[in-house]
Protein backbone atom coordinates (compact mmCIF):
# COMPACT_ATOMS: atom_id res chain seq x y z
CA UNK A 1 -3.90 29.72 -10.21
CA UNK A 2 -4.89 26.86 -12.52
CA UNK A 3 -2.07 27.76 -14.93
CA UNK A 4 0.45 27.71 -12.07
CA UNK A 5 -0.75 24.25 -11.01
CA UNK A 6 -0.45 22.91 -14.58
CA UNK A 7 3.08 24.34 -14.89
CA UNK A 8 4.02 22.76 -11.54
CA UNK A 9 2.69 19.35 -12.57
CA UNK A 10 4.48 19.52 -15.91
CA UNK A 11 7.75 20.53 -14.26
CA UNK A 12 7.45 17.58 -11.86
CA UNK A 13 7.01 15.20 -14.78
CA UNK A 14 10.09 16.66 -16.51
CA UNK A 15 12.24 16.56 -13.36
CA UNK A 16 15.19 14.21 -14.13
CA UNK A 17 15.12 12.86 -10.55
CA UNK A 18 11.42 12.05 -10.80
CA UNK A 19 11.91 10.43 -14.21
CA UNK A 20 14.79 8.28 -12.87
CA UNK A 21 12.70 7.24 -9.86
CA UNK A 22 9.75 6.28 -12.07
CA UNK A 23 12.00 4.27 -14.41
CA UNK A 24 13.55 2.39 -11.48
CA UNK A 25 10.13 1.73 -9.93
CA UNK A 26 8.83 0.45 -13.27
CA UNK A 27 11.84 -1.84 -13.72
CA UNK A 28 11.58 -3.33 -10.22
CA UNK A 29 7.81 -3.74 -10.56
CA UNK A 30 8.15 -5.38 -13.98
CA UNK A 31 10.86 -7.84 -12.95
CA UNK A 32 9.15 -8.79 -9.68
CA UNK A 33 5.86 -9.21 -11.54
CA UNK A 34 7.46 -11.61 -14.02
CA UNK A 35 8.98 -13.57 -11.15
CA UNK A 36 5.71 -13.82 -9.20
CA UNK A 37 3.76 -14.88 -12.29
CA UNK A 38 6.31 -17.45 -13.48
CA UNK A 39 7.37 -18.99 -10.18
CA UNK A 40 4.51 -18.24 -7.76
CA UNK A 41 1.53 -18.42 -10.11
CA UNK A 42 0.42 -14.90 -9.10
CA UNK A 43 -3.30 -14.23 -9.56
CA UNK A 44 -5.03 -10.95 -8.73
CA UNK A 45 -8.76 -10.64 -8.13
CA UNK A 46 -10.53 -7.27 -7.81
CA UNK A 47 -8.10 -5.02 -9.67
CA UNK A 48 -11.05 -2.87 -10.70
CA UNK A 49 -11.41 -1.78 -7.06
CA UNK A 50 -8.21 0.27 -7.38
CA UNK A 51 -9.03 3.62 -9.02
CA UNK A 52 -7.49 4.39 -12.41
CA UNK A 53 -7.24 8.02 -11.32
CA UNK A 54 -7.39 9.74 -7.96
CA UNK A 55 -6.13 9.05 -4.45
CA UNK A 56 -6.58 6.01 -2.26
CA UNK A 57 -4.88 4.22 0.63
CA UNK A 58 -4.15 0.52 0.12
CA UNK A 59 -3.73 -1.69 3.17
CA UNK A 60 -3.16 -5.30 4.20
CA UNK A 61 -1.64 -7.06 7.20
CA UNK A 62 1.88 -7.68 5.94
CA UNK A 63 3.61 -10.98 6.73
CA UNK A 64 6.74 -10.03 4.79
CA UNK A 65 6.84 -6.28 4.21
CA UNK A 66 9.25 -6.25 1.25
CA UNK A 67 7.62 -9.20 -0.51
CA UNK A 68 4.13 -7.84 0.14
CA UNK A 69 5.16 -4.39 -1.08
CA UNK A 70 6.30 -5.90 -4.39
CA UNK A 71 3.10 -7.94 -4.65
CA UNK A 72 0.82 -4.97 -3.92
CA UNK A 73 2.64 -2.95 -6.58
CA UNK A 74 1.15 -5.40 -9.11
CA UNK A 75 -2.50 -4.51 -8.35
CA UNK A 76 -2.35 -1.26 -10.33
CA UNK A 77 -0.59 0.14 -13.36
CA UNK A 78 -0.07 3.28 -11.29
CA UNK A 79 2.84 3.96 -8.96
CA UNK A 80 2.14 3.12 -5.32
CA UNK A 81 4.05 4.91 -2.54
CA UNK A 82 4.62 2.72 0.53
CA UNK A 83 5.10 4.01 4.05
CA UNK A 84 7.71 1.79 5.67
CA UNK A 85 9.33 1.34 9.08
CA UNK A 86 11.88 4.14 9.66
CA UNK A 87 14.48 1.55 10.71
CA UNK A 88 14.16 -0.10 7.31
CA UNK A 89 14.48 3.25 5.54
CA UNK A 90 17.65 3.98 7.52
CA UNK A 91 19.33 0.72 6.51
CA UNK A 92 22.68 1.50 4.87
CA UNK A 93 22.01 -0.58 1.76
CA UNK A 94 18.25 -1.13 1.59
CA UNK A 95 17.29 2.39 2.69
CA UNK A 96 18.67 4.32 -0.32
CA UNK A 97 17.14 1.77 -2.71
CA UNK A 98 13.70 2.07 -1.10
CA UNK A 99 13.92 5.86 -1.08
CA UNK A 100 14.87 5.90 -4.76
CA UNK A 101 11.75 3.80 -5.44
CA UNK A 102 9.58 6.55 -3.92
CA UNK A 103 8.97 4.89 -0.57
CA UNK A 104 8.25 6.99 2.55
CA UNK A 105 9.54 6.41 6.06
CA UNK A 106 7.10 6.11 8.93
CA UNK A 107 7.04 8.58 11.80
CA UNK A 108 9.53 8.17 14.65
CA UNK A 109 7.66 10.27 17.22
CA UNK A 110 4.60 12.49 17.63
CA UNK A 111 6.77 15.49 16.78
CA UNK A 112 8.00 13.90 13.55
CA UNK A 113 5.63 15.45 11.01
CA UNK A 114 7.76 15.22 7.85
CA UNK A 115 6.43 11.78 6.76
CA UNK A 116 2.86 12.89 7.46
CA UNK A 117 3.32 15.97 5.28
CA UNK A 118 4.80 13.78 2.54
CA UNK A 119 1.80 11.44 2.59
CA UNK A 120 -0.64 14.34 2.30
CA UNK A 121 1.44 15.78 -0.55
CA UNK A 122 1.17 12.47 -2.43
CA UNK A 123 -2.55 12.05 -1.75
CA UNK A 124 -3.85 15.61 -1.95
CA UNK A 125 -1.49 17.43 -4.29
CA UNK A 126 -0.58 14.59 -6.64
CA UNK A 127 -3.73 12.48 -6.23
CA UNK A 128 -1.61 9.32 -6.09
CA UNK A 129 -1.83 5.98 -4.29
CA UNK A 130 -0.29 5.27 -0.87
CA UNK A 131 0.05 1.91 0.88
CA UNK A 132 0.24 1.59 4.67
CA UNK A 133 0.18 -1.79 6.37
CA UNK A 134 0.24 -3.15 9.91
CA UNK A 135 2.68 -6.06 10.27
CA UNK A 136 1.43 -9.57 11.03
CA UNK A 137 4.29 -10.15 13.47
CA UNK A 138 2.83 -7.49 15.79
CA UNK A 139 0.11 -8.46 18.26
CA UNK A 140 -3.51 -7.70 17.48
CA UNK A 141 -3.62 -4.58 19.66
CA UNK A 142 -0.72 -3.00 17.77
CA UNK A 143 -2.27 -3.95 14.43
CA UNK A 144 -5.55 -2.27 15.40
CA UNK A 145 -3.71 0.82 16.64
CA UNK A 146 -1.81 1.06 13.35
CA UNK A 147 -5.00 0.63 11.32
CA UNK A 148 -6.69 3.34 13.43
CA UNK A 149 -3.83 5.69 12.47
CA UNK A 150 -4.35 4.77 8.80
CA UNK A 151 -8.03 5.67 9.21
CA UNK A 152 -7.03 9.12 10.46
CA UNK A 153 -4.88 9.60 7.35
CA UNK A 154 -7.82 8.55 5.16
CA UNK A 155 -10.18 11.00 6.84
CA UNK A 156 -7.75 13.92 6.73
CA UNK A 157 -7.01 13.30 3.04
CA UNK A 158 -10.61 12.37 2.16
CA UNK A 159 -9.28 9.16 0.57
CA UNK A 160 -10.89 5.70 0.50
CA UNK A 161 -9.20 2.73 2.19
CA UNK A 162 -8.83 -0.36 0.01
CA UNK A 163 -8.29 -3.63 1.94
CA UNK A 164 -6.09 -6.27 0.29
CA UNK A 165 -5.51 -9.91 1.21
CA UNK A 166 -2.37 -11.76 0.13
CA UNK A 167 -2.94 -15.51 0.18
CA UNK A 168 -0.38 -18.31 -0.08
CA UNK A 169 -1.22 -21.85 -1.08
CA UNK A 170 0.27 -24.83 -2.90
CA UNK A 171 -0.09 -25.04 -6.66
CA UNK A 172 1.48 -26.57 -9.75
CA UNK A 173 4.08 -24.11 -11.03
CA UNK A 174 4.91 -24.11 -14.75
CA UNK A 175 3.11 -27.49 -14.89
CA UNK A 176 6.31 -28.99 -13.54
CA UNK A 177 6.52 -28.84 -9.77
CA UNK A 178 4.46 -28.06 -6.70
CA UNK A 179 5.40 -24.78 -5.07
CA UNK A 180 4.05 -21.77 -3.21
CA UNK A 181 1.43 -19.86 -5.17
CA UNK A 182 0.09 -16.40 -4.40
CA UNK A 183 -3.38 -15.00 -4.90
CA UNK A 184 -4.27 -11.39 -4.17
CA UNK A 185 -7.80 -10.28 -3.41
CA UNK A 186 -8.56 -6.56 -3.57
CA UNK A 187 -11.63 -5.60 -1.55
CA UNK A 188 -14.16 -2.84 -2.12
CA UNK A 189 -13.03 0.73 -1.30
CA UNK A 190 -14.19 1.95 2.12
CA UNK A 191 -15.08 5.61 2.59
CA UNK A 192 -14.60 6.66 6.21
CA UNK A 193 -16.93 9.07 8.00
CA UNK A 194 -15.18 12.34 8.84
CA UNK A 195 -16.59 12.43 12.36
CA UNK A 196 -14.41 9.45 13.33
CA UNK A 197 -11.40 11.75 13.35
CA UNK A 198 -12.73 13.46 16.48
CA UNK A 199 -11.48 12.29 19.86
CA UNK A 200 -14.96 11.57 21.22
CA UNK A 201 -15.39 8.95 18.46
CA UNK A 202 -12.06 7.27 19.20
CA UNK A 203 -13.75 4.01 20.28
CA UNK A 204 -15.69 3.84 17.00
CA UNK A 205 -12.49 4.53 15.05
CA UNK A 206 -10.80 1.59 16.76
CA UNK A 207 -13.86 -0.59 16.09
CA UNK A 208 -13.61 0.28 12.40
CA UNK A 209 -9.89 -0.53 12.47
CA UNK A 210 -10.75 -3.97 13.86
CA UNK A 211 -13.42 -4.36 11.17
CA UNK A 212 -10.94 -3.57 8.38
CA UNK A 213 -8.51 -6.20 9.68
CA UNK A 214 -11.44 -8.64 9.83
CA UNK A 215 -12.32 -7.79 6.20
CA UNK A 216 -8.74 -8.58 5.15
CA UNK A 217 -8.89 -11.89 7.02
CA UNK A 218 -12.27 -12.68 5.45
CA UNK A 219 -10.91 -12.00 1.97
CA UNK A 220 -8.13 -14.50 2.70
CA UNK A 221 -10.46 -17.31 3.80
CA UNK A 222 -11.16 -18.82 0.38
CA UNK A 223 -7.95 -18.77 -1.67
CA UNK A 224 -9.16 -20.98 -4.54
CA UNK A 225 -5.76 -20.78 -6.20
CA UNK A 226 -5.66 -22.50 -9.57
CA UNK A 227 -3.81 -25.77 -9.57
């Protein structure tokens, strides 16, 4: 059984499609990282909170999903798989690019289990990182509902949730001009109690979802971006 698993993992690593996807992801991550550091003075605090090995779910409240996806990719040397809005993944031009980067579409209905299975494959079989984020443009109730769903994923996969704040402020860029600077704060991993997955603890699950959003907001309160 162990030998079969090792062979499977090795074959995945040697899969030309997987290799091409990893190369593309690395190129996009590298170029966007250079851009953010050079022109937006990117600073990341708390990188050590992202595990070097093993699964975890990263989350923030995204103001700009594509920009924030590229920023979050900088918090770890590992590949991060993002679950994105199905409408975005179906876009004629953007969709194929996102898919080739290893992104996952969100569910379209309760019966749509394919994305859920994909997330569990990434977390449980590959032990990789997944990012799921409520959008800031949604009202608070929808954000809490989305975070409660993320909690259920975390419980089912026995994976910690890592809250992340993305902060914008003004700073001197390249010692030449004042522009928008970005600081990222990675919070401590949160291990969720398994009992919260049960329906009778639904209220507590939603309270925790609210707490996680509050943690993200608290992380963002003191940007202290270098001038």
